[in-house]
PDB file of N, CA and C in Angstrom:
ATOM      1  N   MET A   1       0.971  -1.161   0.102  1.00  0.00           N
ATOM      2  CA  MET A   1       0.068   0.032  -0.072  1.00  0.00           C
ATOM      3  C   MET A   1       0.835   1.275  -0.021  1.00  0.00           C
ATOM      4  N   LYS A   2       0.786   2.166  -0.831  1.00  0.00           N
ATOM      5  CA  LYS A   2       1.393   3.446  -1.027  1.00  0.00           C
ATOM      6  C   LYS A   2       0.531   4.354  -0.136  1.00  0.00           C
ATOM      7  N   VAL A   3       1.264   4.994   0.726  1.00  0.00           N
ATOM      8  CA  VAL A   3       0.623   6.010   1.619  1.00  0.00           C
ATOM      9  C   VAL A   3       1.061   7.462   1.551  1.00  0.00           C
ATOM     10  N   ASP A   4       0.398   8.355   1.351  1.00  0.00           N
ATOM     11  CA  ASP A   4       0.811   9.821   1.300  1.00  0.00           C
ATOM     12  C   ASP A   4       0.858  10.304   2.681  1.00  0.00           C
ATOM     13  N   MET A   5       2.113  10.588   3.163  1.00  0.00           N
ATOM     14  CA  MET A   5       2.388  11.017   4.371  1.00  0.00           C
ATOM     15  C   MET A   5       2.459  12.723   4.457  1.00  0.00           C
ATOM     16  N   THR A   6       2.078  13.318   3.230  1.00  0.00           N
ATOM     17  CA  THR A   6       2.138  14.715   3.210  1.00  0.00           C
ATOM     18  C   THR A   6       1.200  15.447   4.286  1.00  0.00           C
ATOM     19  N   GLY A   7       1.711  16.293   4.995  1.00  0.00           N
ATOM     20  CA  GLY A   7       0.681  16.928   6.136  1.00  0.00           C
ATOM     21  C   GLY A   7       0.302  15.915   7.239  1.00  0.00           C
ATOM     22  N   ALA A   8       1.022  14.950   7.579  1.00  0.00           N
ATOM     23  CA  ALA A   8       0.695  14.098   8.693  1.00  0.00           C
ATOM     24  C   ALA A   8       1.046  14.823   9.880  1.00  0.00           C
ATOM     25  N   VAL A   9       0.027  14.666  10.754  1.00  0.00           N
ATOM     26  CA  VAL A   9       0.089  15.336  12.160  1.00  0.00           C
ATOM     27  C   VAL A   9       0.218  14.162  13.116  1.00  0.00           C
ATOM     28  N   TRP A  10       1.184  14.081  13.899  1.00  0.00           N
ATOM     29  CA  TRP A  10       1.502  12.981  14.653  1.00  0.00           C
ATOM     30  C   TRP A  10       0.965  13.338  16.143  1.00  0.00           C
ATOM     31  N   ARG A  11       0.445  12.311  16.631  1.00  0.00           N
ATOM     32  CA  ARG A  11      -0.185  12.498  18.071  1.00  0.00           C
ATOM     33  C   ARG A  11       0.502  11.272  18.988  1.00  0.00           C
ATOM     34  N   LYS A  12       0.783  11.647  20.190  1.00  0.00           N
ATOM     35  CA  LYS A  12       1.363  10.773  21.092  1.00  0.00           C
ATOM     36  C   LYS A  12       0.227  10.697  22.289  1.00  0.00           C
ATOM     37  N   SER A  13       0.065   9.483  22.749  1.00  0.00           N
ATOM     38  CA  SER A  13      -0.878   9.366  23.857  1.00  0.00           C
ATOM     39  C   SER A  13      -0.510  10.154  25.075  1.00  0.00           C
ATOM     40  N   SER A  14      -1.495  10.627  25.741  1.00  0.00           N
ATOM     41  CA  SER A  14      -1.369  11.338  26.887  1.00  0.00           C
ATOM     42  C   SER A  14      -0.949  10.469  28.161  1.00  0.00           C
ATOM     43  N   TYR A  15      -1.034   9.145  27.973  1.00  0.00           N
ATOM     44  CA  TYR A  15      -0.501   8.076  28.868  1.00  0.00           C
ATOM     45  C   TYR A  15       0.997   7.988  28.671  1.00  0.00           C
ATOM     46  N   SER A  16       1.584   8.362  27.672  1.00  0.00           N
ATOM     47  CA  SER A  16       3.001   8.219  27.397  1.00  0.00           C
ATOM     48  C   SER A  16       4.004   8.731  28.391  1.00  0.00           C
ATOM     49  N   GLY A  17       4.990   8.124  28.766  1.00  0.00           N
ATOM     50  CA  GLY A  17       5.843   8.540  29.765  1.00  0.00           C
ATOM     51  C   GLY A  17       7.051   9.386  29.136  1.00  0.00           C
ATOM     52  N   PRO A  18       7.767  10.098  29.973  1.00  0.00           N
ATOM     53  CA  PRO A  18       8.863  11.093  29.450  1.00  0.00           C
ATOM     54  C   PRO A  18       9.936  10.323  28.861  1.00  0.00           C
ATOM     55  N   ASP A  19      10.069   8.885  28.913  1.00  0.00           N
ATOM     56  CA  ASP A  19      11.271   8.287  28.403  1.00  0.00           C
ATOM     57  C   ASP A  19      11.328   8.129  26.895  1.00  0.00           C
ATOM     58  N   GLY A  20      10.253   8.519  26.072  1.00  0.00           N
ATOM     59  CA  GLY A  20      10.131   8.301  24.761  1.00  0.00           C
ATOM     60  C   GLY A  20       9.704   6.910  24.266  1.00  0.00           C
ATOM     61  N   ASN A  21       9.379   6.071  25.179  1.00  0.00           N
ATOM     62  CA  ASN A  21       9.235   4.670  24.828  1.00  0.00           C
ATOM     63  C   ASN A  21       7.698   4.431  24.605  1.00  0.00           C
ATOM     64  N   CYS A  22       7.200   5.001  23.368  1.00  0.00           N
ATOM     65  CA  CYS A  22       5.865   5.033  23.049  1.00  0.00           C
ATOM     66  C   CYS A  22       5.685   5.068  21.549  1.00  0.00           C
ATOM     67  N   VAL A  23       4.387   4.985  20.978  1.00  0.00           N
ATOM     68  CA  VAL A  23       4.136   5.213  19.734  1.00  0.00           C
ATOM     69  C   VAL A  23       3.415   6.419  19.410  1.00  0.00           C
ATOM     70  N   GLU A  24       3.461   6.955  18.127  1.00  0.00           N
ATOM     71  CA  GLU A  24       2.583   8.080  17.651  1.00  0.00           C
ATOM     72  C   GLU A  24       1.746   7.540  16.697  1.00  0.00           C
ATOM     73  N   VAL A  25       0.530   8.164  16.445  1.00  0.00           N
ATOM     74  CA  VAL A  25      -0.411   8.002  15.410  1.00  0.00           C
ATOM     75  C   VAL A  25      -0.594   9.196  14.546  1.00  0.00           C
ATOM     76  N   ALA A  26      -0.964   8.857  13.355  1.00  0.00           N
ATOM     77  CA  ALA A  26      -1.341  10.104  12.407  1.00  0.00           C
ATOM     78  C   ALA A  26      -2.473   9.608  11.748  1.00  0.00           C
ATOM     79  N   PHE A  27      -3.522  10.393  11.580  1.00  0.00           N
ATOM     80  CA  PHE A  27      -4.788   9.941  10.854  1.00  0.00           C
ATOM     81  C   PHE A  27      -4.706  10.877   9.477  1.00  0.00           C
ATOM     82  N   LEU A  28      -4.549  10.024   8.452  1.00  0.00           N
ATOM     83  CA  LEU A  28      -4.183  10.785   7.047  1.00  0.00           C
ATOM     84  C   LEU A  28      -5.430  11.116   6.373  1.00  0.00           C
ATOM     85  N   GLY A  29      -5.306  12.074   5.500  1.00  0.00           N
ATOM     86  CA  GLY A  29      -6.455  12.628   4.666  1.00  0.00           C
ATOM     87  C   GLY A  29      -7.227  11.556   3.821  1.00  0.00           C
ATOM     88  N   ASP A  30      -6.618  10.468   3.433  1.00  0.00           N
ATOM     89  CA  ASP A  30      -7.188   9.472   2.708  1.00  0.00           C
ATOM     90  C   ASP A  30      -7.819   8.308   3.508  1.00  0.00           C
ATOM     91  N   GLY A  31      -7.845   8.591   4.816  1.00  0.00           N
ATOM     92  CA  GLY A  31      -8.596   7.590   5.665  1.00  0.00           C
ATOM     93  C   GLY A  31      -7.554   6.677   6.466  1.00  0.00           C
ATOM     94  N   ASN A  32      -6.390   6.632   5.910  1.00  0.00           N
ATOM     95  CA  ASN A  32      -5.350   5.616   6.418  1.00  0.00           C
ATOM     96  C   ASN A  32      -4.852   5.984   7.632  1.00  0.00           C
ATOM     97  N   VAL A  33      -4.247   5.232   8.363  1.00  0.00           N
ATOM     98  CA  VAL A  33      -3.784   5.557   9.801  1.00  0.00           C
ATOM     99  C   VAL A  33      -2.304   5.017   9.755  1.00  0.00           C
ATOM    100  N   ALA A  34      -1.380   5.997  10.169  1.00  0.00           N
ATOM    101  CA  ALA A  34       0.133   5.707  10.259  1.00  0.00           C
ATOM    102  C   ALA A  34       0.558   5.752  11.775  1.00  0.00           C
ATOM    103  N   VAL A  35       1.467   4.654  11.913  1.00  0.00           N
ATOM    104  CA  VAL A  35       2.018   4.421  13.342  1.00  0.00           C
ATOM    105  C   VAL A  35       3.360   4.447  13.287  1.00  0.00           C
ATOM    106  N   ARG A  36       4.027   5.149  14.148  1.00  0.00           N
ATOM    107  CA  ARG A  36       5.545   5.107  14.345  1.00  0.00           C
ATOM    108  C   ARG A  36       6.028   5.090  15.565  1.00  0.00           C
ATOM    109  N   ASP A  37       7.345   4.718  15.978  1.00  0.00           N
ATOM    110  CA  ASP A  37       7.964   4.775  17.255  1.00  0.00           C
ATOM    111  C   ASP A  37       8.378   5.985  17.540  1.00  0.00           C
ATOM    112  N   THR A  38       8.129   6.576  18.724  1.00  0.00           N
ATOM    113  CA  THR A  38       8.555   7.930  19.044  1.00  0.00           C
ATOM    114  C   THR A  38       9.949   8.188  19.215  1.00  0.00           C
ATOM    115  N   LYS A  39      10.713   7.003  19.735  1.00  0.00           N
ATOM    116  CA  LYS A  39      12.236   7.114  20.149  1.00  0.00           C
ATOM    117  C   LYS A  39      12.869   7.240  18.843  1.00  0.00           C
ATOM    118  N   ASP A  40      12.339   6.901  17.625  1.00  0.00           N
ATOM    119  CA  ASP A  40      13.101   7.139  16.491  1.00  0.00           C
ATOM    120  C   ASP A  40      13.047   8.657  15.786  1.00  0.00           C
ATOM    121  N   GLN A  41      12.277   9.475  16.495  1.00  0.00           N
ATOM    122  CA  GLN A  41      12.383  10.816  16.391  1.00  0.00           C
ATOM    123  C   GLN A  41      11.992  11.204  14.857  1.00  0.00           C
ATOM    124  N   GLY A  42      11.150  10.545  14.104  1.00  0.00           N
ATOM    125  CA  GLY A  42      10.632  10.618  12.857  1.00  0.00           C
ATOM    126  C   GLY A  42      11.477  10.149  11.805  1.00  0.00           C
ATOM    127  N   SER A  43      12.625   9.348  12.189  1.00  0.00           N
ATOM    128  CA  SER A  43      13.437   8.981  11.182  1.00  0.00           C
ATOM    129  C   SER A  43      13.439   7.388  10.792  1.00  0.00           C
ATOM    130  N   GLY A  44      12.436   6.772  11.631  1.00  0.00           N
ATOM    131  CA  GLY A  44      12.236   5.406  11.621  1.00  0.00           C
ATOM    132  C   GLY A  44      11.244   4.904  10.631  1.00  0.00           C
ATOM    133  N   PRO A  45      10.832   3.471  10.582  1.00  0.00           N
ATOM    134  CA  PRO A  45       9.901   3.126   9.833  1.00  0.00           C
ATOM    135  C   PRO A  45       8.444   3.573  10.241  1.00  0.00           C
ATOM    136  N   VAL A  46       7.543   3.637   9.353  1.00  0.00           N
ATOM    137  CA  VAL A  46       6.197   3.940   9.667  1.00  0.00           C
ATOM    138  C   VAL A  46       5.318   2.700   9.109  1.00  0.00           C
ATOM    139  N   LEU A  47       4.343   2.304   9.997  1.00  0.00           N
ATOM    140  CA  LEU A  47       3.445   1.269   9.553  1.00  0.00           C
ATOM    141  C   LEU A  47       2.139   1.909   9.125  1.00  0.00           C
ATOM    142  N   ALA A  48       1.364   1.551   8.207  1.00  0.00           N
ATOM    143  CA  ALA A  48       0.230   2.240   7.665  1.00  0.00           C
ATOM    144  C   ALA A  48      -0.679   1.280   7.505  1.00  0.00           C
ATOM    145  N   PHE A  49      -1.993   1.633   8.121  1.00  0.00           N
ATOM    146  CA  PHE A  49      -3.176   0.775   8.111  1.00  0.00           C
ATOM    147  C   PHE A  49      -4.401   1.275   7.387  1.00  0.00           C
ATOM    148  N   ALA A  50      -4.918   0.459   6.448  1.00  0.00           N
ATOM    149  CA  ALA A  50      -6.333   0.833   5.927  1.00  0.00           C
ATOM    150  C   ALA A  50      -7.408   1.179   7.143  1.00  0.00           C
ATOM    151  N   PRO A  51      -8.416   1.845   6.887  1.00  0.00           N
ATOM    152  CA  PRO A  51      -9.408   2.251   7.759  1.00  0.00           C
ATOM    153  C   PRO A  51      -9.953   0.872   8.367  1.00  0.00           C
ATOM    154  N   GLY A  52     -10.263  -0.161   7.642  1.00  0.00           N
ATOM    155  CA  GLY A  52     -10.860  -1.392   8.186  1.00  0.00           C
ATOM    156  C   GLY A  52      -9.848  -2.191   9.111  1.00  0.00           C
ATOM    157  N   GLU A  53      -8.513  -2.177   8.764  1.00  0.00           N
ATOM    158  CA  GLU A  53      -7.451  -2.780   9.553  1.00  0.00           C
ATOM    159  C   GLU A  53      -7.425  -2.065  10.832  1.00  0.00           C
ATOM    160  N   TRP A  54      -7.447  -0.739  10.912  1.00  0.00           N
ATOM    161  CA  TRP A  54      -7.370  -0.075  12.075  1.00  0.00           C
ATOM    162  C   TRP A  54      -8.505  -0.234  13.037  1.00  0.00           C
ATOM    163  N   ALA A  55      -9.602  -0.273  12.513  1.00  0.00           N
ATOM    164  CA  ALA A  55     -10.885  -0.440  13.211  1.00  0.00           C
ATOM    165  C   ALA A  55     -10.850  -1.752  13.854  1.00  0.00           C
ATOM    166  N   GLY A  56     -10.177  -2.850  13.000  1.00  0.00           N
ATOM    167  CA  GLY A  56     -10.154  -4.322  13.670  1.00  0.00           C
ATOM    168  C   GLY A  56      -9.173  -4.240  14.878  1.00  0.00           C
ATOM    169  N   PHE A  57      -8.156  -3.593  14.690  1.00  0.00           N
ATOM    170  CA  PHE A  57      -7.177  -3.430  15.742  1.00  0.00           C
ATOM    171  C   PHE A  57      -7.819  -2.970  16.995  1.00  0.00           C
ATOM    172  N   LEU A  58      -8.638  -1.664  16.737  1.00  0.00           N
ATOM    173  CA  LEU A  58      -9.147  -1.058  17.901  1.00  0.00           C
ATOM    174  C   LEU A  58     -10.030  -1.877  18.657  1.00  0.00           C
ATOM    175  N   THR A  59     -10.849  -2.674  17.867  1.00  0.00           N
ATOM    176  CA  THR A  59     -11.788  -3.767  18.358  1.00  0.00           C
ATOM    177  C   THR A  59     -11.037  -4.717  19.221  1.00  0.00           C
ATOM    178  N   GLY A  60      -9.963  -5.144  18.763  1.00  0.00           N
ATOM    179  CA  GLY A  60      -9.172  -6.121  19.396  1.00  0.00           C
ATOM    180  C   GLY A  60      -8.687  -5.670  20.727  1.00  0.00           C
ATOM    181  N   VAL A  61      -8.298  -4.439  20.799  1.00  0.00           N
ATOM    182  CA  VAL A  61      -7.625  -3.843  21.792  1.00  0.00           C
ATOM    183  C   VAL A  61      -8.823  -3.757  22.782  1.00  0.00           C
ATOM    184  N   SER A  62     -10.073  -3.117  22.513  1.00  0.00           N
ATOM    185  CA  SER A  62     -11.142  -2.955  23.444  1.00  0.00           C
ATOM    186  C   SER A  62     -11.434  -4.358  24.026  1.00  0.00           C
ATOM    187  N   ALA A  63     -11.428  -5.491  23.288  1.00  0.00           N
ATOM    188  CA  ALA A  63     -11.691  -6.863  23.642  1.00  0.00           C
ATOM    189  C   ALA A  63     -10.685  -7.357  24.445  1.00  0.00           C
ATOM    190  N   GLY A  64      -9.584  -6.886  24.600  1.00  0.00           N
ATOM    191  CA  GLY A  64      -8.487  -7.315  25.499  1.00  0.00           C
ATOM    192  C   GLY A  64      -7.688  -8.388  24.734  1.00  0.00           C
ATOM    193  N   GLU A  65      -7.582  -8.585  23.395  1.00  0.00           N
ATOM    194  CA  GLU A  65      -6.934  -9.501  22.681  1.00  0.00           C
ATOM    195  C   GLU A  65      -5.408  -9.523  22.887  1.00  0.00           C
ATOM    196  N   PHE A  66      -5.066  -8.238  23.181  1.00  0.00           N
ATOM    197  CA  PHE A  66      -3.520  -8.064  23.238  1.00  0.00           C
ATOM    198  C   PHE A  66      -2.917  -7.997  24.593  1.00  0.00           C
ATOM    199  N   HIS A  67      -3.721  -8.210  25.630  1.00  0.00           N
ATOM    200  CA  HIS A  67      -3.411  -8.110  27.094  1.00  0.00           C
ATOM    201  C   HIS A  67      -2.737  -9.334  27.549  1.00  0.00           C
ATOM    202  N   SER A  68      -1.498  -9.078  27.987  1.00  0.00           N
ATOM    203  CA  SER A  68      -0.712 -10.318  28.378  1.00  0.00           C
ATOM    204  C   SER A  68      -0.823 -10.443  29.920  1.00  0.00           C
ATOM    205  N   ALA A  69      -0.908 -11.645  30.275  1.00  0.00           N
ATOM    206  CA  ALA A  69      -1.081 -12.084  31.725  1.00  0.00           C
ATOM    207  C   ALA A  69       0.059 -11.664  32.609  1.00  0.00           C
TER     208      ALA A  69
END
């Protein structure tokens, strides 16, 4: 999937700590969602998700699918 990152505005969770160990999310104009690692300071890889993929991920998070014991 080719994603246009022009104008991406990155947001970090308010739950993130000061150590930079978190992720940032950008909601793109074409409906895709981009995710990157904060500690890479914008120079690292970016994962891009189609709207349906992102919705599925959020559903899984809400259902506790990714919670480790």
